[in-house]
Amino acid sequence: MNTFASTSNQIFSQAVVDYHINDNVDTPINNPFEPGTIESLLYLKCWIDTVQWHLEDIIRDPNIDPTEALLIKRRIDKSNQDRTDLVERIDSYFLEQYQDIQPQTDAKINTESPAWAIDRLSILNVKIYHMQKEVERTDIDATQHKKVADKLNVLLEQKDDLTTSITQLLDDYASGLRIMKVYKQMKMYNDPNLNPVLYQNKK
């Protein structure tokens, strides 16, 4: 059965592979999906995650120039904000999908919104791609190869479990077994009116 979660995995995998054609954090995104569609949002979500994965690698270079490191740190901060904004847009899609569902009297509330689960699924796809590359390395010994192969197996199992869990969650929303509720993240450190360092510097 082609569920929303399984379709998401296909789109995430495509985004990761597309990024690694050039494997450069400055490569412009070429989103193959119609703007404004949920598919387009999912592709963009995973593209952001993939770029940020590599930015996190770059900033850990022990020989990196401090000025460059600061620029990358600021870029990561912006990426995190873009990621949060995008998750909330995906949750808006789910809110619209289930807005006419009448929850049952004993309906439960989930610990996280569906889009934050999708967020974790996207990042898992990025992790799996890179762990697979570690497994394929020919310059590591048998001990290291077993370690990364074991980690890859765990990640693949986690992906299967999360895919199933998201499918079950969305089915519960559709049948009124769970109440669809979303809370905005309301991050404060990027808000010039809420971060004391920022608003005190405006005086």
N, C-alpha and C. Protein backbone atom coordinates (compact mmCIF):
# COMPACT_ATOMS: atom_id res chain seq x y z
N MET A 1 0.84 -1.20 0.00
CA MET A 1 0.00 0.00 0.00
C MET A 1 0.88 1.25 0.00
N ASN A 2 0.57 2.18 -0.89
CA ASN A 2 1.37 3.39 -1.01
C ASN A 2 0.81 4.46 -0.07
N THR A 3 1.34 4.52 1.14
CA THR A 3 0.85 5.46 2.14
C THR A 3 1.57 6.80 2.02
N PHE A 4 1.09 7.79 2.77
CA PHE A 4 1.75 9.10 2.77
C PHE A 4 3.20 8.94 3.21
N ALA A 5 3.44 8.14 4.23
CA ALA A 5 4.80 7.97 4.75
C ALA A 5 5.71 7.30 3.74
N SER A 6 5.19 6.27 3.04
CA SER A 6 6.03 5.60 2.05
C SER A 6 6.32 6.52 0.85
N THR A 7 5.33 7.33 0.47
CA THR A 7 5.56 8.32 -0.59
C THR A 7 6.60 9.33 -0.15
N SER A 8 6.53 9.75 1.11
CA SER A 8 7.51 10.68 1.65
C SER A 8 8.92 10.09 1.55
N ASN A 9 9.06 8.81 1.88
CA ASN A 9 10.37 8.16 1.78
C ASN A 9 10.90 8.19 0.36
N GLN A 10 10.02 7.97 -0.61
CA GLN A 10 10.46 8.01 -2.01
C GLN A 10 10.96 9.40 -2.39
N ILE A 11 10.23 10.43 -1.94
CA ILE A 11 10.62 11.81 -2.25
C ILE A 11 11.90 12.18 -1.53
N PHE A 12 12.02 11.77 -0.27
CA PHE A 12 13.23 12.07 0.50
C PHE A 12 14.45 11.41 -0.15
N SER A 13 14.30 10.17 -0.55
CA SER A 13 15.40 9.46 -1.20
C SER A 13 15.82 10.16 -2.48
N GLN A 14 14.84 10.63 -3.24
CA GLN A 14 15.14 11.34 -4.47
C GLN A 14 15.90 12.63 -4.19
N ALA A 15 15.48 13.37 -3.16
CA ALA A 15 16.14 14.63 -2.82
C ALA A 15 17.60 14.40 -2.41
N VAL A 16 17.84 13.36 -1.62
CA VAL A 16 19.20 13.06 -1.17
C VAL A 16 20.09 12.69 -2.36
N VAL A 17 19.59 11.85 -3.22
CA VAL A 17 20.36 11.45 -4.40
C VAL A 17 20.61 12.66 -5.31
N ASP A 18 19.59 13.48 -5.51
CA ASP A 18 19.74 14.66 -6.37
C ASP A 18 20.80 15.60 -5.81
N TYR A 19 20.80 15.79 -4.49
CA TYR A 19 21.81 16.68 -3.88
C TYR A 19 23.22 16.16 -4.16
N HIS A 20 23.41 14.86 -4.06
CA HIS A 20 24.75 14.30 -4.18
C HIS A 20 25.24 14.17 -5.62
N ILE A 21 24.44 14.61 -6.57
CA ILE A 21 24.94 14.69 -7.96
C ILE A 21 26.09 15.68 -8.01
N ASN A 22 25.92 16.82 -7.33
CA ASN A 22 27.00 17.81 -7.25
C ASN A 22 27.69 17.81 -5.90
N ASP A 23 26.97 17.38 -4.86
CA ASP A 23 27.53 17.27 -3.51
C ASP A 23 28.21 18.57 -3.08
N ASN A 24 27.44 19.65 -3.17
CA ASN A 24 27.98 20.97 -2.82
C ASN A 24 26.87 21.74 -2.11
N VAL A 25 27.18 22.31 -0.95
CA VAL A 25 26.17 22.99 -0.15
C VAL A 25 25.62 24.24 -0.83
N ASP A 26 26.31 24.72 -1.85
CA ASP A 26 25.85 25.92 -2.55
C ASP A 26 25.09 25.61 -3.83
N THR A 27 24.85 24.33 -4.09
CA THR A 27 24.09 23.95 -5.28
C THR A 27 22.64 24.40 -5.15
N PRO A 28 22.12 25.16 -6.10
CA PRO A 28 20.71 25.58 -6.02
C PRO A 28 19.77 24.39 -6.12
N ILE A 29 18.70 24.43 -5.38
CA ILE A 29 17.72 23.35 -5.44
C ILE A 29 16.98 23.40 -6.77
N ASN A 30 16.73 22.23 -7.33
CA ASN A 30 15.94 22.12 -8.55
C ASN A 30 14.76 21.20 -8.24
N ASN A 31 13.77 21.76 -7.56
CA ASN A 31 12.64 20.97 -7.08
C ASN A 31 11.79 20.50 -8.26
N PRO A 32 11.64 19.18 -8.42
CA PRO A 32 10.92 18.66 -9.59
C PRO A 32 9.41 18.70 -9.46
N PHE A 33 8.91 19.10 -8.28
CA PHE A 33 7.47 19.04 -8.04
C PHE A 33 6.82 20.41 -8.16
N GLU A 34 5.55 20.40 -8.46
CA GLU A 34 4.78 21.62 -8.65
C GLU A 34 4.82 22.47 -7.39
N PRO A 35 5.18 23.76 -7.52
CA PRO A 35 5.24 24.63 -6.33
C PRO A 35 3.92 24.66 -5.58
N GLY A 36 4.02 24.62 -4.26
CA GLY A 36 2.83 24.69 -3.43
C GLY A 36 2.22 23.35 -3.09
N THR A 37 2.66 22.28 -3.78
CA THR A 37 2.11 20.96 -3.49
C THR A 37 2.83 20.37 -2.27
N ILE A 38 2.20 19.37 -1.66
CA ILE A 38 2.83 18.73 -0.51
C ILE A 38 4.10 18.00 -0.95
N GLU A 39 4.11 17.48 -2.16
CA GLU A 39 5.32 16.81 -2.66
C GLU A 39 6.49 17.79 -2.75
N SER A 40 6.19 19.00 -3.21
CA SER A 40 7.22 20.03 -3.29
C SER A 40 7.77 20.39 -1.91
N LEU A 41 6.88 20.48 -0.93
CA LEU A 41 7.30 20.80 0.44
C LEU A 41 8.16 19.67 1.02
N LEU A 42 7.80 18.43 0.75
CA LEU A 42 8.57 17.30 1.25
C LEU A 42 9.97 17.26 0.63
N TYR A 43 10.05 17.53 -0.66
CA TYR A 43 11.35 17.55 -1.34
C TYR A 43 12.22 18.66 -0.77
N LEU A 44 11.64 19.84 -0.59
CA LEU A 44 12.38 20.96 -0.02
C LEU A 44 12.84 20.64 1.39
N LYS A 45 11.98 19.99 2.16
CA LYS A 45 12.32 19.62 3.53
C LYS A 45 13.57 18.77 3.57
N CYS A 46 13.63 17.74 2.75
CA CYS A 46 14.78 16.85 2.77
C CYS A 46 16.02 17.50 2.17
N TRP A 47 15.82 18.39 1.21
CA TRP A 47 16.97 19.12 0.64
C TRP A 47 17.62 19.97 1.73
N ILE A 48 16.82 20.68 2.51
CA ILE A 48 17.33 21.48 3.62
C ILE A 48 18.09 20.60 4.60
N ASP A 49 17.53 19.44 4.94
CA ASP A 49 18.18 18.52 5.87
C ASP A 49 19.51 18.02 5.33
N THR A 50 19.55 17.75 4.03
CA THR A 50 20.77 17.22 3.42
C THR A 50 21.87 18.28 3.40
N VAL A 51 21.51 19.49 3.01
CA VAL A 51 22.49 20.58 3.02
C VAL A 51 23.01 20.82 4.43
N GLN A 52 22.10 20.83 5.40
CA GLN A 52 22.52 21.08 6.78
C GLN A 52 23.43 19.97 7.29
N TRP A 53 23.16 18.73 6.90
CA TRP A 53 24.04 17.62 7.27
C TRP A 53 25.49 17.93 6.89
N HIS A 54 25.67 18.44 5.67
CA HIS A 54 27.02 18.72 5.18
C HIS A 54 27.60 19.98 5.81
N LEU A 55 26.76 20.95 6.10
CA LEU A 55 27.25 22.13 6.83
C LEU A 55 27.76 21.74 8.21
N GLU A 56 27.05 20.80 8.86
CA GLU A 56 27.49 20.33 10.18
C GLU A 56 28.83 19.60 10.07
N ASP A 57 29.06 18.89 8.97
CA ASP A 57 30.37 18.25 8.74
C ASP A 57 31.46 19.31 8.58
N ILE A 58 31.17 20.30 7.74
CA ILE A 58 32.18 21.31 7.42
C ILE A 58 32.62 22.08 8.65
N ILE A 59 31.66 22.45 9.50
CA ILE A 59 31.98 23.29 10.65
C ILE A 59 32.82 22.54 11.69
N ARG A 60 32.85 21.21 11.59
CA ARG A 60 33.64 20.41 12.54
C ARG A 60 35.07 20.18 12.06
N ASP A 61 35.43 20.77 10.95
CA ASP A 61 36.82 20.69 10.48
C ASP A 61 37.71 21.40 11.50
N PRO A 62 38.67 20.69 12.14
CA PRO A 62 39.50 21.33 13.16
C PRO A 62 40.38 22.45 12.62
N ASN A 63 40.55 22.50 11.31
CA ASN A 63 41.40 23.54 10.71
C ASN A 63 40.60 24.66 10.06
N ILE A 64 39.31 24.70 10.33
CA ILE A 64 38.47 25.71 9.68
C ILE A 64 38.82 27.10 10.17
N ASP A 65 38.77 28.05 9.27
CA ASP A 65 39.01 29.44 9.64
C ASP A 65 37.85 29.93 10.52
N PRO A 66 38.17 30.59 11.65
CA PRO A 66 37.10 31.03 12.57
C PRO A 66 36.05 31.91 11.91
N THR A 67 36.47 32.75 10.99
CA THR A 67 35.52 33.62 10.31
C THR A 67 34.55 32.79 9.46
N GLU A 68 35.10 31.82 8.76
CA GLU A 68 34.25 30.93 7.96
C GLU A 68 33.33 30.12 8.86
N ALA A 69 33.85 29.68 10.00
CA ALA A 69 33.04 28.89 10.93
C ALA A 69 31.84 29.69 11.43
N LEU A 70 32.06 30.97 11.72
CA LEU A 70 30.95 31.81 12.17
C LEU A 70 29.90 31.96 11.08
N LEU A 71 30.35 32.15 9.86
CA LEU A 71 29.41 32.27 8.74
C LEU A 71 28.58 30.99 8.58
N ILE A 72 29.24 29.86 8.72
CA ILE A 72 28.53 28.59 8.59
C ILE A 72 27.57 28.39 9.75
N LYS A 73 28.00 28.78 10.97
CA LYS A 73 27.11 28.67 12.13
C LYS A 73 25.85 29.50 11.91
N ARG A 74 26.00 30.71 11.39
CA ARG A 74 24.83 31.54 11.09
C ARG A 74 23.97 30.88 10.02
N ARG A 75 24.61 30.24 9.07
CA ARG A 75 23.87 29.57 8.01
C ARG A 75 23.09 28.38 8.57
N ILE A 76 23.69 27.65 9.50
CA ILE A 76 23.00 26.54 10.16
C ILE A 76 21.81 27.05 10.96
N ASP A 77 22.00 28.17 11.66
CA ASP A 77 20.89 28.76 12.42
C ASP A 77 19.72 29.09 11.50
N LYS A 78 20.03 29.70 10.35
CA LYS A 78 18.97 30.03 9.39
C LYS A 78 18.31 28.75 8.86
N SER A 79 19.13 27.74 8.61
CA SER A 79 18.59 26.47 8.12
C SER A 79 17.63 25.86 9.13
N ASN A 80 17.98 25.93 10.40
CA ASN A 80 17.10 25.40 11.45
C ASN A 80 15.77 26.15 11.48
N GLN A 81 15.83 27.47 11.29
CA GLN A 81 14.60 28.24 11.26
C GLN A 81 13.77 27.90 10.03
N ASP A 82 14.43 27.77 8.89
CA ASP A 82 13.72 27.38 7.66
C ASP A 82 13.07 26.01 7.83
N ARG A 83 13.80 25.10 8.47
CA ARG A 83 13.28 23.76 8.71
C ARG A 83 12.04 23.81 9.58
N THR A 84 12.09 24.60 10.65
CA THR A 84 10.94 24.72 11.55
C THR A 84 9.74 25.31 10.81
N ASP A 85 9.98 26.37 10.05
CA ASP A 85 8.90 27.00 9.29
C ASP A 85 8.27 26.01 8.32
N LEU A 86 9.10 25.19 7.70
CA LEU A 86 8.60 24.24 6.72
C LEU A 86 7.79 23.13 7.39
N VAL A 87 8.24 22.66 8.55
CA VAL A 87 7.48 21.66 9.29
C VAL A 87 6.09 22.20 9.61
N GLU A 88 6.02 23.46 10.00
CA GLU A 88 4.72 24.05 10.33
C GLU A 88 3.83 24.17 9.09
N ARG A 89 4.43 24.40 7.93
CA ARG A 89 3.65 24.43 6.70
C ARG A 89 3.11 23.04 6.37
N ILE A 90 3.91 22.01 6.62
CA ILE A 90 3.44 20.64 6.38
C ILE A 90 2.33 20.29 7.36
N ASP A 91 2.46 20.74 8.61
CA ASP A 91 1.38 20.51 9.57
C ASP A 91 0.10 21.21 9.15
N SER A 92 0.21 22.38 8.52
CA SER A 92 -0.97 23.08 8.03
C SER A 92 -1.69 22.24 6.97
N TYR A 93 -0.90 21.53 6.18
CA TYR A 93 -1.48 20.61 5.18
C TYR A 93 -2.30 19.54 5.89
N PHE A 94 -1.74 18.95 6.95
CA PHE A 94 -2.47 17.91 7.68
C PHE A 94 -3.72 18.47 8.37
N LEU A 95 -3.61 19.66 8.91
CA LEU A 95 -4.77 20.29 9.55
C LEU A 95 -5.91 20.43 8.55
N GLU A 96 -5.57 20.82 7.34
CA GLU A 96 -6.59 20.98 6.30
C GLU A 96 -7.17 19.63 5.90
N GLN A 97 -6.31 18.61 5.85
CA GLN A 97 -6.77 17.27 5.45
C GLN A 97 -7.79 16.70 6.43
N TYR A 98 -7.61 17.00 7.72
CA TYR A 98 -8.44 16.37 8.75
C TYR A 98 -9.39 17.35 9.45
N GLN A 99 -9.58 18.51 8.84
CA GLN A 99 -10.38 19.54 9.50
C GLN A 99 -11.86 19.15 9.66
N ASP A 100 -12.34 18.27 8.81
CA ASP A 100 -13.75 17.89 8.88
C ASP A 100 -13.98 16.59 9.66
N ILE A 101 -12.92 16.03 10.22
CA ILE A 101 -13.05 14.80 10.99
C ILE A 101 -13.54 15.13 12.40
N GLN A 102 -14.60 14.48 12.81
CA GLN A 102 -15.12 14.67 14.18
C GLN A 102 -14.44 13.67 15.11
N PRO A 103 -13.62 14.13 16.05
CA PRO A 103 -12.94 13.20 16.95
C PRO A 103 -13.94 12.41 17.80
N GLN A 104 -13.60 11.17 18.07
CA GLN A 104 -14.42 10.36 18.94
C GLN A 104 -14.30 10.85 20.38
N THR A 105 -15.26 10.50 21.21
CA THR A 105 -15.30 11.02 22.58
C THR A 105 -14.07 10.61 23.39
N ASP A 106 -13.48 9.47 23.05
CA ASP A 106 -12.29 9.02 23.78
C ASP A 106 -11.01 9.21 22.96
N ALA A 107 -11.05 10.14 22.01
CA ALA A 107 -9.89 10.38 21.14
C ALA A 107 -8.69 10.85 21.96
N LYS A 108 -7.51 10.40 21.54
CA LYS A 108 -6.27 10.73 22.25
C LYS A 108 -5.53 11.86 21.53
N ILE A 109 -4.63 12.49 22.27
CA ILE A 109 -3.75 13.52 21.71
C ILE A 109 -2.36 12.94 21.60
N ASN A 110 -1.71 13.11 20.45
CA ASN A 110 -0.38 12.56 20.25
C ASN A 110 0.68 13.47 20.87
N THR A 111 1.87 12.89 21.14
CA THR A 111 2.94 13.68 21.76
C THR A 111 3.58 14.66 20.80
N GLU A 112 3.46 14.41 19.50
CA GLU A 112 4.02 15.33 18.52
C GLU A 112 3.10 15.38 17.31
N SER A 113 3.22 16.44 16.55
CA SER A 113 2.39 16.58 15.36
C SER A 113 2.93 15.67 14.26
N PRO A 114 2.11 15.35 13.25
CA PRO A 114 2.59 14.46 12.18
C PRO A 114 3.78 15.02 11.42
N ALA A 115 3.84 16.33 11.23
CA ALA A 115 4.94 16.90 10.46
C ALA A 115 6.28 16.77 11.18
N TRP A 116 6.26 16.78 12.51
CA TRP A 116 7.53 16.58 13.23
C TRP A 116 7.97 15.13 13.13
N ALA A 117 7.04 14.20 13.01
CA ALA A 117 7.41 12.81 12.74
C ALA A 117 7.97 12.68 11.33
N ILE A 118 7.37 13.39 10.38
CA ILE A 118 7.88 13.42 9.01
C ILE A 118 9.27 14.04 8.99
N ASP A 119 9.50 15.04 9.81
CA ASP A 119 10.82 15.66 9.94
C ASP A 119 11.86 14.61 10.32
N ARG A 120 11.54 13.78 11.30
CA ARG A 120 12.47 12.74 11.73
C ARG A 120 12.69 11.71 10.63
N LEU A 121 11.64 11.43 9.86
CA LEU A 121 11.76 10.47 8.76
C LEU A 121 12.68 11.01 7.67
N SER A 122 12.59 12.29 7.40
CA SER A 122 13.46 12.92 6.42
C SER A 122 14.93 12.81 6.84
N ILE A 123 15.20 13.14 8.08
CA ILE A 123 16.57 13.08 8.58
C ILE A 123 17.09 11.65 8.59
N LEU A 124 16.21 10.70 8.89
CA LEU A 124 16.61 9.29 8.84
C LEU A 124 17.06 8.89 7.44
N ASN A 125 16.36 9.38 6.43
CA ASN A 125 16.76 9.08 5.05
C ASN A 125 18.15 9.62 4.74
N VAL A 126 18.45 10.81 5.25
CA VAL A 126 19.78 11.38 5.05
C VAL A 126 20.83 10.53 5.78
N LYS A 127 20.55 10.14 7.00
CA LYS A 127 21.48 9.31 7.78
C LYS A 127 21.74 7.98 7.08
N ILE A 128 20.69 7.36 6.59
CA ILE A 128 20.83 6.06 5.95
C ILE A 128 21.70 6.16 4.70
N TYR A 129 21.52 7.22 3.93
CA TYR A 129 22.34 7.41 2.73
C TYR A 129 23.82 7.46 3.11
N HIS A 130 24.14 8.24 4.12
CA HIS A 130 25.54 8.41 4.49
C HIS A 130 26.11 7.19 5.20
N MET A 131 25.28 6.50 5.99
CA MET A 131 25.77 5.27 6.62
C MET A 131 26.02 4.20 5.57
N GLN A 132 25.18 4.15 4.54
CA GLN A 132 25.40 3.21 3.44
C GLN A 132 26.74 3.49 2.76
N LYS A 133 27.09 4.76 2.60
CA LYS A 133 28.38 5.12 2.01
C LYS A 133 29.53 4.63 2.89
N GLU A 134 29.34 4.70 4.22
CA GLU A 134 30.37 4.19 5.12
C GLU A 134 30.53 2.68 4.98
N VAL A 135 29.43 1.99 4.81
CA VAL A 135 29.47 0.53 4.62
C VAL A 135 30.22 0.17 3.34
N GLU A 136 30.08 1.01 2.32
CA GLU A 136 30.69 0.73 1.01
C GLU A 136 32.17 1.09 0.94
N ARG A 137 32.70 1.71 1.99
CA ARG A 137 34.11 2.08 1.98
C ARG A 137 35.01 0.85 1.90
N THR A 138 36.12 0.99 1.16
CA THR A 138 37.08 -0.11 1.04
C THR A 138 38.35 0.15 1.84
N ASP A 139 38.41 1.28 2.53
CA ASP A 139 39.62 1.64 3.28
C ASP A 139 39.45 1.43 4.78
N ILE A 140 38.48 0.61 5.19
CA ILE A 140 38.28 0.34 6.61
C ILE A 140 38.44 -1.15 6.88
N ASP A 141 38.80 -1.47 8.13
CA ASP A 141 39.01 -2.88 8.46
C ASP A 141 37.68 -3.56 8.77
N ALA A 142 37.74 -4.86 9.02
CA ALA A 142 36.53 -5.65 9.22
C ALA A 142 35.75 -5.22 10.46
N THR A 143 36.49 -4.82 11.50
CA THR A 143 35.83 -4.39 12.73
C THR A 143 35.00 -3.13 12.50
N GLN A 144 35.60 -2.15 11.83
CA GLN A 144 34.89 -0.91 11.53
C GLN A 144 33.73 -1.16 10.58
N HIS A 145 33.95 -2.05 9.62
CA HIS A 145 32.88 -2.36 8.66
C HIS A 145 31.68 -2.96 9.39
N LYS A 146 31.92 -3.86 10.33
CA LYS A 146 30.82 -4.47 11.07
C LYS A 146 30.07 -3.42 11.89
N LYS A 147 30.81 -2.48 12.47
CA LYS A 147 30.17 -1.44 13.28
C LYS A 147 29.20 -0.61 12.45
N VAL A 148 29.67 -0.17 11.28
CA VAL A 148 28.81 0.67 10.46
C VAL A 148 27.67 -0.13 9.83
N ALA A 149 27.94 -1.40 9.52
CA ALA A 149 26.88 -2.25 8.97
C ALA A 149 25.78 -2.48 10.01
N ASP A 150 26.20 -2.68 11.26
CA ASP A 150 25.22 -2.85 12.34
C ASP A 150 24.40 -1.58 12.53
N LYS A 151 25.07 -0.44 12.46
CA LYS A 151 24.37 0.84 12.62
C LYS A 151 23.37 1.05 11.47
N LEU A 152 23.79 0.68 10.27
CA LEU A 152 22.89 0.80 9.12
C LEU A 152 21.65 -0.05 9.31
N ASN A 153 21.82 -1.26 9.81
CA ASN A 153 20.67 -2.14 10.03
C ASN A 153 19.70 -1.55 11.05
N VAL A 154 20.25 -0.93 12.08
CA VAL A 154 19.40 -0.28 13.09
C VAL A 154 18.63 0.88 12.46
N LEU A 155 19.31 1.69 11.65
CA LEU A 155 18.67 2.83 11.01
C LEU A 155 17.55 2.36 10.06
N LEU A 156 17.80 1.29 9.33
CA LEU A 156 16.78 0.76 8.41
C LEU A 156 15.56 0.25 9.18
N GLU A 157 15.83 -0.41 10.30
CA GLU A 157 14.71 -0.87 11.13
C GLU A 157 13.93 0.32 11.69
N GLN A 158 14.68 1.33 12.12
CA GLN A 158 14.04 2.53 12.65
C GLN A 158 13.18 3.21 11.59
N LYS A 159 13.68 3.24 10.37
CA LYS A 159 12.92 3.83 9.26
C LYS A 159 11.62 3.07 9.02
N ASP A 160 11.70 1.74 9.03
CA ASP A 160 10.50 0.92 8.84
C ASP A 160 9.49 1.18 9.96
N ASP A 161 9.99 1.21 11.19
CA ASP A 161 9.10 1.42 12.34
C ASP A 161 8.45 2.80 12.30
N LEU A 162 9.26 3.82 11.96
CA LEU A 162 8.72 5.17 11.93
C LEU A 162 7.72 5.33 10.79
N THR A 163 8.00 4.71 9.66
CA THR A 163 7.07 4.74 8.52
C THR A 163 5.73 4.13 8.91
N THR A 164 5.80 2.99 9.59
CA THR A 164 4.58 2.33 10.05
C THR A 164 3.85 3.18 11.09
N SER A 165 4.61 3.75 12.01
CA SER A 165 4.02 4.57 13.07
C SER A 165 3.30 5.79 12.50
N ILE A 166 3.92 6.45 11.52
CA ILE A 166 3.29 7.62 10.90
C ILE A 166 2.01 7.21 10.17
N THR A 167 2.06 6.09 9.48
CA THR A 167 0.87 5.60 8.79
C THR A 167 -0.26 5.32 9.77
N GLN A 168 0.06 4.69 10.89
CA GLN A 168 -0.95 4.42 11.91
C GLN A 168 -1.49 5.71 12.51
N LEU A 169 -0.61 6.69 12.72
CA LEU A 169 -1.04 7.97 13.28
C LEU A 169 -2.02 8.67 12.35
N LEU A 170 -1.70 8.71 11.06
CA LEU A 170 -2.58 9.38 10.10
C LEU A 170 -3.91 8.62 9.96
N ASP A 171 -3.84 7.30 10.04
CA ASP A 171 -5.08 6.51 10.02
C ASP A 171 -5.96 6.84 11.24
N ASP A 172 -5.31 7.04 12.39
CA ASP A 172 -6.05 7.39 13.60
C ASP A 172 -6.71 8.76 13.47
N TYR A 173 -6.01 9.71 12.84
CA TYR A 173 -6.62 11.02 12.61
C TYR A 173 -7.84 10.89 11.69
N ALA A 174 -7.68 10.09 10.64
CA ALA A 174 -8.76 9.94 9.66
C ALA A 174 -9.99 9.28 10.27
N SER A 175 -9.80 8.43 11.27
CA SER A 175 -10.92 7.73 11.88
C SER A 175 -11.40 8.40 13.18
N GLY A 176 -10.77 9.52 13.54
CA GLY A 176 -11.20 10.24 14.73
C GLY A 176 -10.69 9.66 16.03
N LEU A 177 -9.73 8.72 15.95
CA LEU A 177 -9.18 8.12 17.17
C LEU A 177 -8.18 9.04 17.87
N ARG A 178 -7.65 9.99 17.11
CA ARG A 178 -6.73 10.98 17.69
C ARG A 178 -7.16 12.38 17.26
N ILE A 179 -6.87 13.34 18.10
CA ILE A 179 -7.23 14.72 17.83
C ILE A 179 -6.03 15.42 17.19
N MET A 180 -6.27 16.05 16.06
CA MET A 180 -5.22 16.77 15.34
C MET A 180 -5.02 18.12 15.99
N LYS A 181 -3.91 18.29 16.68
CA LYS A 181 -3.57 19.57 17.29
C LYS A 181 -2.14 19.93 16.94
N VAL A 182 -1.91 21.21 16.68
CA VAL A 182 -0.57 21.69 16.32
C VAL A 182 -0.25 22.91 17.15
N TYR A 183 0.95 22.93 17.70
CA TYR A 183 1.43 24.10 18.43
C TYR A 183 2.63 24.67 17.68
N LYS A 184 2.60 25.96 17.43
CA LYS A 184 3.74 26.61 16.78
C LYS A 184 4.94 26.56 17.71
N GLN A 185 6.13 26.49 17.12
CA GLN A 185 7.35 26.36 17.92
C GLN A 185 7.67 27.64 18.71
N MET A 186 7.34 28.78 18.12
CA MET A 186 7.58 30.07 18.79
C MET A 186 9.01 30.19 19.29
N LYS A 187 9.95 29.89 18.40
CA LYS A 187 11.36 30.04 18.76
C LYS A 187 11.65 31.50 19.09
N MET A 188 12.40 31.72 20.14
CA MET A 188 12.64 33.08 20.63
C MET A 188 13.99 33.66 20.19
N TYR A 189 14.98 32.80 19.97
CA TYR A 189 16.33 33.33 19.76
C TYR A 189 16.50 34.02 18.42
N ASN A 190 15.63 33.72 17.43
CA ASN A 190 15.71 34.40 16.14
C ASN A 190 14.80 35.62 16.05
N ASP A 191 14.00 35.84 17.08
CA ASP A 191 13.04 36.94 17.07
C ASP A 191 13.66 38.18 17.70
N PRO A 192 13.83 39.26 16.91
CA PRO A 192 14.47 40.47 17.45
C PRO A 192 13.67 41.12 18.57
N ASN A 193 12.41 40.73 18.74
CA ASN A 193 11.59 41.28 19.82
C ASN A 193 11.56 40.40 21.06
N LEU A 194 12.13 39.20 20.97
CA LEU A 194 12.07 38.27 22.10
C LEU A 194 13.45 37.84 22.62
N ASN A 195 14.48 37.98 21.80
CA ASN A 195 15.84 37.66 22.24
C ASN A 195 16.47 38.90 22.86
N PRO A 196 16.78 38.89 24.18
CA PRO A 196 17.30 40.10 24.84
C PRO A 196 18.57 40.64 24.19
N VAL A 197 19.43 39.75 23.69
CA VAL A 197 20.66 40.22 23.04
C VAL A 197 20.33 41.07 21.82
N LEU A 198 19.26 40.67 21.10
CA LEU A 198 18.89 41.39 19.89
C LEU A 198 18.15 42.68 20.19
N TYR A 199 17.14 42.62 21.10
CA TYR A 199 16.36 43.83 21.29
C TYR A 199 17.10 44.86 22.15
N GLN A 200 18.03 44.43 22.99
CA GLN A 200 18.81 45.41 23.75
C GLN A 200 19.80 46.15 22.88
N ASN A 201 20.25 45.47 21.81
CA ASN A 201 21.19 46.11 20.87
C ASN A 201 20.50 47.11 19.96
N LYS A 202 19.16 47.08 19.92
CA LYS A 202 18.43 48.03 19.08
C LYS A 202 18.30 49.39 19.76
N LYS A 203 18.57 49.44 21.06
CA LYS A 203 18.37 50.70 21.81
C LYS A 203 19.49 51.68 21.51
